[in-house]
All heavy atoms as atom14 arrays in JSON, in Angstrom:
{
  "sequence": "NLELAIAGEEYEVKEMYPVFLETARYQGEA",
  "atom14_mask": [
    [1, 1, 1, 1, 1, 1, 1, 1, 0, 0, 0, 0, 0, 0],
    [1, 1, 1, 1, 1, 1, 1, 1, 0, 0, 0, 0, 0, 0],
    [1, 1, 1, 1, 1, 1, 1, 1, 1, 0, 0, 0, 0, 0],
    [1, 1, 1, 1, 1, 1, 1, 1, 0, 0, 0, 0, 0, 0],
    [1, 1, 1, 1, 1, 0, 0, 0, 0, 0, 0, 0, 0, 0],
    [1, 1, 1, 1, 1, 1, 1, 1, 0, 0, 0, 0, 0, 0],
    [1, 1, 1, 1, 1, 0, 0, 0, 0, 0, 0, 0, 0, 0],
    [1, 1, 1, 1, 0, 0, 0, 0, 0, 0, 0, 0, 0, 0],
    [1, 1, 1, 1, 1, 1, 1, 1, 1, 0, 0, 0, 0, 0],
    [1, 1, 1, 1, 1, 1, 1, 1, 1, 0, 0, 0, 0, 0],
    [1, 1, 1, 1, 1, 1, 1, 1, 1, 1, 1, 1, 0, 0],
    [1, 1, 1, 1, 1, 1, 1, 1, 1, 0, 0, 0, 0, 0],
    [1, 1, 1, 1, 1, 1, 1, 0, 0, 0, 0, 0, 0, 0],
    [1, 1, 1, 1, 1, 1, 1, 1, 1, 0, 0, 0, 0, 0],
    [1, 1, 1, 1, 1, 1, 1, 1, 1, 0, 0, 0, 0, 0],
    [1, 1, 1, 1, 1, 1, 1, 1, 0, 0, 0, 0, 0, 0],
    [1, 1, 1, 1, 1, 1, 1, 1, 1, 1, 1, 1, 0, 0],
    [1, 1, 1, 1, 1, 1, 1, 0, 0, 0, 0, 0, 0, 0],
    [1, 1, 1, 1, 1, 1, 1, 0, 0, 0, 0, 0, 0, 0],
    [1, 1, 1, 1, 1, 1, 1, 1, 1, 1, 1, 0, 0, 0],
    [1, 1, 1, 1, 1, 1, 1, 1, 0, 0, 0, 0, 0, 0],
    [1, 1, 1, 1, 1, 1, 1, 1, 1, 0, 0, 0, 0, 0],
    [1, 1, 1, 1, 1, 1, 1, 0, 0, 0, 0, 0, 0, 0],
    [1, 1, 1, 1, 1, 0, 0, 0, 0, 0, 0, 0, 0, 0],
    [1, 1, 1, 1, 1, 1, 1, 1, 1, 1, 1, 0, 0, 0],
    [1, 1, 1, 1, 1, 1, 1, 1, 1, 1, 1, 1, 0, 0],
    [1, 1, 1, 1, 1, 1, 1, 1, 1, 0, 0, 0, 0, 0],
    [1, 1, 1, 1, 0, 0, 0, 0, 0, 0, 0, 0, 0, 0],
    [1, 1, 1, 1, 1, 1, 1, 1, 1, 0, 0, 0, 0, 0],
    [1, 1, 1, 1, 1, 0, 0, 0, 0, 0, 0, 0, 0, 0]
  ],
  "atom14_positions": [
    [[-37.73, 82.78, 55.57], [-36.25, 82.91, 55.21], [-35.8, 84.26, 55.33], [-34.6, 84.48, 55.76], [-36.06, 82.27, 53.78], [-36.36, 80.86, 53.74], [-36.37, 80.13, 54.75], [-36.64, 80.36, 52.54], [0.0, 0.0, 0.0], [0.0, 0.0, 0.0], [0.0, 0.0, 0.0], [0.0, 0.0, 0.0], [0.0, 0.0, 0.0], [0.0, 0.0, 0.0]],
    [[-36.6, 85.29, 54.97], [-36.14, 86.7, 55.1], [-36.01, 86.93, 56.63], [-35.12, 87.69, 56.98], [-37.17, 87.66, 54.47], [-37.03, 87.75, 52.94], [-38.28, 88.31, 52.31], [-35.84, 88.47, 52.54], [0.0, 0.0, 0.0], [0.0, 0.0, 0.0], [0.0, 0.0, 0.0], [0.0, 0.0, 0.0], [0.0, 0.0, 0.0], [0.0, 0.0, 0.0]],
    [[-36.97, 86.46, 57.44], [-36.82, 86.66, 58.9], [-35.5, 86.07, 59.41], [-34.79, 86.74, 60.18], [-38.03, 85.97, 59.59], [-38.15, 86.24, 61.0], [-39.47, 85.65, 61.57], [-40.46, 85.65, 60.88], [-39.38, 85.13, 62.63], [0.0, 0.0, 0.0], [0.0, 0.0, 0.0], [0.0, 0.0, 0.0], [0.0, 0.0, 0.0], [0.0, 0.0, 0.0]],
    [[-35.12, 84.93, 58.94], [-33.84, 84.25, 59.4], [-32.67, 85.06, 58.84], [-31.68, 85.39, 59.63], [-33.69, 82.91, 58.78], [-34.67, 81.86, 59.35], [-34.61, 80.52, 58.55], [-34.42, 81.59, 60.82], [0.0, 0.0, 0.0], [0.0, 0.0, 0.0], [0.0, 0.0, 0.0], [0.0, 0.0, 0.0], [0.0, 0.0, 0.0], [0.0, 0.0, 0.0]],
    [[-32.79, 85.61, 57.64], [-31.71, 86.48, 57.09], [-31.57, 87.69, 57.88], [-30.42, 88.13, 58.2], [-32.01, 86.75, 55.58], [0.0, 0.0, 0.0], [0.0, 0.0, 0.0], [0.0, 0.0, 0.0], [0.0, 0.0, 0.0], [0.0, 0.0, 0.0], [0.0, 0.0, 0.0], [0.0, 0.0, 0.0], [0.0, 0.0, 0.0], [0.0, 0.0, 0.0]],
    [[-32.62, 88.37, 58.24], [-32.6, 89.56, 59.04], [-31.92, 89.29, 60.38], [-31.08, 90.08, 60.85], [-34.06, 90.18, 59.21], [-34.54, 90.75, 57.87], [-33.98, 91.29, 60.35], [-36.08, 90.91, 57.88], [0.0, 0.0, 0.0], [0.0, 0.0, 0.0], [0.0, 0.0, 0.0], [0.0, 0.0, 0.0], [0.0, 0.0, 0.0], [0.0, 0.0, 0.0]],
    [[-32.35, 88.2, 60.98], [-31.78, 87.83, 62.31], [-30.22, 87.64, 62.2], [-29.49, 88.1, 63.04], [-32.38, 86.56, 62.87], [0.0, 0.0, 0.0], [0.0, 0.0, 0.0], [0.0, 0.0, 0.0], [0.0, 0.0, 0.0], [0.0, 0.0, 0.0], [0.0, 0.0, 0.0], [0.0, 0.0, 0.0], [0.0, 0.0, 0.0], [0.0, 0.0, 0.0]],
    [[-29.83, 86.95, 61.17], [-28.37, 86.78, 60.99], [-27.6, 88.06, 60.65], [-26.54, 88.29, 61.26], [0.0, 0.0, 0.0], [0.0, 0.0, 0.0], [0.0, 0.0, 0.0], [0.0, 0.0, 0.0], [0.0, 0.0, 0.0], [0.0, 0.0, 0.0], [0.0, 0.0, 0.0], [0.0, 0.0, 0.0], [0.0, 0.0, 0.0], [0.0, 0.0, 0.0]],
    [[-28.17, 88.95, 59.86], [-27.48, 90.15, 59.56], [-27.45, 91.1, 60.81], [-26.4, 91.76, 61.05], [-28.22, 90.91, 58.39], [-28.21, 90.09, 57.07], [-26.85, 89.82, 56.45], [-26.0, 90.74, 56.52], [-26.7, 88.79, 55.91], [0.0, 0.0, 0.0], [0.0, 0.0, 0.0], [0.0, 0.0, 0.0], [0.0, 0.0, 0.0], [0.0, 0.0, 0.0]],
    [[-28.49, 91.11, 61.57], [-28.56, 91.96, 62.72], [-27.56, 91.51, 63.8], [-26.99, 92.29, 64.52], [-30.02, 92.12, 63.28], [-30.79, 92.98, 62.42], [-32.25, 93.24, 62.93], [-32.68, 92.51, 63.75], [-32.76, 94.26, 62.48], [0.0, 0.0, 0.0], [0.0, 0.0, 0.0], [0.0, 0.0, 0.0], [0.0, 0.0, 0.0], [0.0, 0.0, 0.0]],
    [[-27.5, 90.17, 63.91], [-26.5, 89.64, 64.88], [-25.11, 90.08, 64.46], [-24.26, 90.58, 65.34], [-26.58, 88.1, 64.9], [-25.34, 87.53, 65.65], [-25.36, 87.47, 67.01], [-24.3, 86.92, 64.88], [-24.24, 86.97, 67.69], [-23.23, 86.36, 65.61], [-23.2, 86.34, 66.94], [-22.09, 85.79, 67.63], [0.0, 0.0, 0.0], [0.0, 0.0, 0.0]],
    [[-24.78, 90.01, 63.2], [-23.42, 90.42, 62.75], [-23.23, 91.92, 63.09], [-22.15, 92.34, 63.39], [-23.22, 90.16, 61.23], [-23.17, 88.71, 60.93], [-23.1, 88.41, 59.47], [-23.67, 89.22, 58.63], [-22.52, 87.4, 59.08], [0.0, 0.0, 0.0], [0.0, 0.0, 0.0], [0.0, 0.0, 0.0], [0.0, 0.0, 0.0], [0.0, 0.0, 0.0]],
    [[-24.22, 92.71, 62.77], [-24.08, 94.21, 62.97], [-24.12, 94.61, 64.38], [-23.37, 95.56, 64.79], [-25.3, 94.9, 62.15], [-25.38, 96.36, 62.5], [-25.09, 94.77, 60.62], [0.0, 0.0, 0.0], [0.0, 0.0, 0.0], [0.0, 0.0, 0.0], [0.0, 0.0, 0.0], [0.0, 0.0, 0.0], [0.0, 0.0, 0.0], [0.0, 0.0, 0.0]],
    [[-24.96, 94.01, 65.23], [-25.12, 94.46, 66.58], [-24.18, 93.78, 67.6], [-23.85, 94.34, 68.65], [-26.54, 94.26, 67.07], [-27.61, 95.1, 66.39], [-28.98, 94.81, 66.72], [-29.9, 95.67, 66.0], [-31.34, 95.33, 66.3], [0.0, 0.0, 0.0], [0.0, 0.0, 0.0], [0.0, 0.0, 0.0], [0.0, 0.0, 0.0], [0.0, 0.0, 0.0]],
    [[-23.77, 92.54, 67.3], [-22.94, 91.84, 68.24], [-21.52, 91.35, 67.71], [-20.5, 91.65, 68.18], [-23.72, 90.61, 68.76], [-24.88, 90.97, 69.49], [-25.68, 89.81, 70.17], [-24.98, 88.94, 70.65], [-26.94, 89.8, 70.08], [0.0, 0.0, 0.0], [0.0, 0.0, 0.0], [0.0, 0.0, 0.0], [0.0, 0.0, 0.0], [0.0, 0.0, 0.0]],
    [[-21.57, 90.65, 66.58], [-20.38, 89.98, 66.16], [-19.32, 90.97, 65.66], [-18.19, 90.96, 66.21], [-20.69, 88.94, 64.99], [-19.54, 88.07, 64.57], [-20.01, 86.88, 63.33], [-19.58, 87.76, 61.9], [0.0, 0.0, 0.0], [0.0, 0.0, 0.0], [0.0, 0.0, 0.0], [0.0, 0.0, 0.0], [0.0, 0.0, 0.0], [0.0, 0.0, 0.0]],
    [[-19.59, 91.69, 64.58], [-18.54, 92.53, 64.04], [-18.13, 93.64, 64.9], [-16.87, 93.92, 64.93], [-18.96, 92.97, 62.57], [-18.6, 92.01, 61.59], [-19.72, 91.49, 60.81], [-17.43, 91.4, 61.4], [-19.49, 90.48, 59.89], [-17.18, 90.37, 60.5], [-18.23, 89.89, 59.66], [-17.98, 88.94, 58.8], [0.0, 0.0, 0.0], [0.0, 0.0, 0.0]],
    [[-18.92, 94.24, 65.79], [-18.43, 95.29, 66.66], [-17.27, 94.61, 67.66], [-16.3, 95.26, 67.82], [-19.67, 95.71, 67.45], [-20.73, 95.62, 66.53], [-20.45, 94.32, 65.73], [0.0, 0.0, 0.0], [0.0, 0.0, 0.0], [0.0, 0.0, 0.0], [0.0, 0.0, 0.0], [0.0, 0.0, 0.0], [0.0, 0.0, 0.0], [0.0, 0.0, 0.0]],
    [[-17.56, 93.42, 68.09], [-16.61, 92.82, 68.94], [-15.34, 92.42, 68.22], [-14.22, 92.62, 68.65], [-17.2, 91.62, 69.67], [-16.16, 90.8, 70.47], [-18.32, 92.1, 70.56], [0.0, 0.0, 0.0], [0.0, 0.0, 0.0], [0.0, 0.0, 0.0], [0.0, 0.0, 0.0], [0.0, 0.0, 0.0], [0.0, 0.0, 0.0], [0.0, 0.0, 0.0]],
    [[-15.52, 91.87, 67.04], [-14.37, 91.37, 66.23], [-13.54, 92.63, 65.79], [-12.33, 92.53, 65.74], [-14.82, 90.69, 64.96], [-15.37, 89.27, 65.31], [-15.91, 88.48, 64.24], [-15.46, 88.69, 66.58], [-16.4, 87.24, 64.45], [-15.94, 87.51, 66.83], [-16.41, 86.71, 65.76], [0.0, 0.0, 0.0], [0.0, 0.0, 0.0], [0.0, 0.0, 0.0]],
    [[-14.16, 93.68, 65.46], [-13.39, 94.95, 65.1], [-12.55, 95.49, 66.34], [-11.39, 95.77, 66.1], [-14.37, 96.05, 64.68], [-14.77, 96.04, 63.23], [-16.08, 96.84, 63.01], [-13.67, 96.56, 62.39], [0.0, 0.0, 0.0], [0.0, 0.0, 0.0], [0.0, 0.0, 0.0], [0.0, 0.0, 0.0], [0.0, 0.0, 0.0], [0.0, 0.0, 0.0]],
    [[-13.16, 95.45, 67.52], [-12.47, 96.0, 68.65], [-11.3, 95.02, 68.94], [-10.16, 95.47, 69.41], [-13.43, 96.1, 69.79], [-14.26, 97.34, 69.72], [-13.47, 98.6, 69.59], [-12.49, 98.84, 70.33], [-13.87, 99.48, 68.7], [0.0, 0.0, 0.0], [0.0, 0.0, 0.0], [0.0, 0.0, 0.0], [0.0, 0.0, 0.0], [0.0, 0.0, 0.0]],
    [[-11.51, 93.71, 68.81], [-10.39, 92.71, 69.02], [-9.24, 92.92, 68.14], [-8.14, 93.01, 68.55], [-10.99, 91.24, 68.9], [-12.06, 91.07, 69.82], [-9.85, 90.23, 69.18], [0.0, 0.0, 0.0], [0.0, 0.0, 0.0], [0.0, 0.0, 0.0], [0.0, 0.0, 0.0], [0.0, 0.0, 0.0], [0.0, 0.0, 0.0], [0.0, 0.0, 0.0]],
    [[-9.57, 93.17, 66.86], [-8.53, 93.38, 65.9], [-7.77, 94.68, 66.16], [-6.57, 94.77, 66.04], [-9.02, 93.4, 64.38], [0.0, 0.0, 0.0], [0.0, 0.0, 0.0], [0.0, 0.0, 0.0], [0.0, 0.0, 0.0], [0.0, 0.0, 0.0], [0.0, 0.0, 0.0], [0.0, 0.0, 0.0], [0.0, 0.0, 0.0], [0.0, 0.0, 0.0]],
    [[-8.54, 95.73, 66.54], [-7.86, 97.06, 66.78], [-7.0, 96.87, 68.02], [-5.91, 97.37, 68.02], [-9.0, 98.05, 67.11], [-9.58, 98.66, 65.88], [-10.6, 99.87, 66.24], [-11.33, 100.03, 65.07], [-12.68, 100.02, 65.02], [-13.36, 99.72, 66.11], [-13.38, 100.19, 63.94], [0.0, 0.0, 0.0], [0.0, 0.0, 0.0], [0.0, 0.0, 0.0]],
    [[-7.5, 96.24, 69.08], [-6.72, 96.1, 70.28], [-5.46, 95.37, 70.02], [-4.43, 95.64, 70.66], [-7.57, 95.38, 71.34], [-6.84, 95.08, 72.63], [-6.72, 96.12, 73.56], [-6.45, 93.87, 72.89], [-6.03, 95.94, 74.72], [-5.72, 93.67, 74.17], [-5.57, 94.66, 75.05], [-4.91, 94.46, 76.19], [0.0, 0.0, 0.0], [0.0, 0.0, 0.0]],
    [[-5.5, 94.32, 69.15], [-4.44, 93.6, 68.94], [-3.5, 94.09, 67.78], [-2.54, 93.46, 67.46], [-4.76, 92.04, 68.6], [-5.44, 91.47, 69.83], [-5.44, 89.88, 69.72], [-5.83, 89.35, 68.73], [-5.02, 89.23, 70.79], [0.0, 0.0, 0.0], [0.0, 0.0, 0.0], [0.0, 0.0, 0.0], [0.0, 0.0, 0.0], [0.0, 0.0, 0.0]],
    [[-3.87, 95.26, 67.24], [-3.06, 95.82, 66.16], [-2.95, 95.07, 64.9], [-2.06, 95.16, 64.19], [0.0, 0.0, 0.0], [0.0, 0.0, 0.0], [0.0, 0.0, 0.0], [0.0, 0.0, 0.0], [0.0, 0.0, 0.0], [0.0, 0.0, 0.0], [0.0, 0.0, 0.0], [0.0, 0.0, 0.0], [0.0, 0.0, 0.0], [0.0, 0.0, 0.0]],
    [[-4.16, 94.39, 64.55], [-4.18, 93.59, 63.37], [-5.01, 94.36, 62.26], [-6.21, 94.2, 62.11], [-4.93, 92.23, 63.69], [-4.22, 91.38, 64.75], [-2.92, 90.87, 64.18], [-2.57, 91.01, 62.99], [-2.21, 90.15, 64.96], [0.0, 0.0, 0.0], [0.0, 0.0, 0.0], [0.0, 0.0, 0.0], [0.0, 0.0, 0.0], [0.0, 0.0, 0.0]],
    [[-4.28, 95.26, 61.58], [-4.87, 96.16, 60.65], [-5.56, 95.38, 59.5], [-6.63, 95.87, 59.05], [-3.8, 97.11, 60.14], [0.0, 0.0, 0.0], [0.0, 0.0, 0.0], [0.0, 0.0, 0.0], [0.0, 0.0, 0.0], [0.0, 0.0, 0.0], [0.0, 0.0, 0.0], [0.0, 0.0, 0.0], [0.0, 0.0, 0.0], [0.0, 0.0, 0.0]]
  ]
}
């Protein structure tokens, strides 16, 4: 379960949130 949790958190940190942040910035959604 810790392995699954690490995988989920790392996906958010390395892939998901960087893209979502850039999308929001690009679209001016503060």
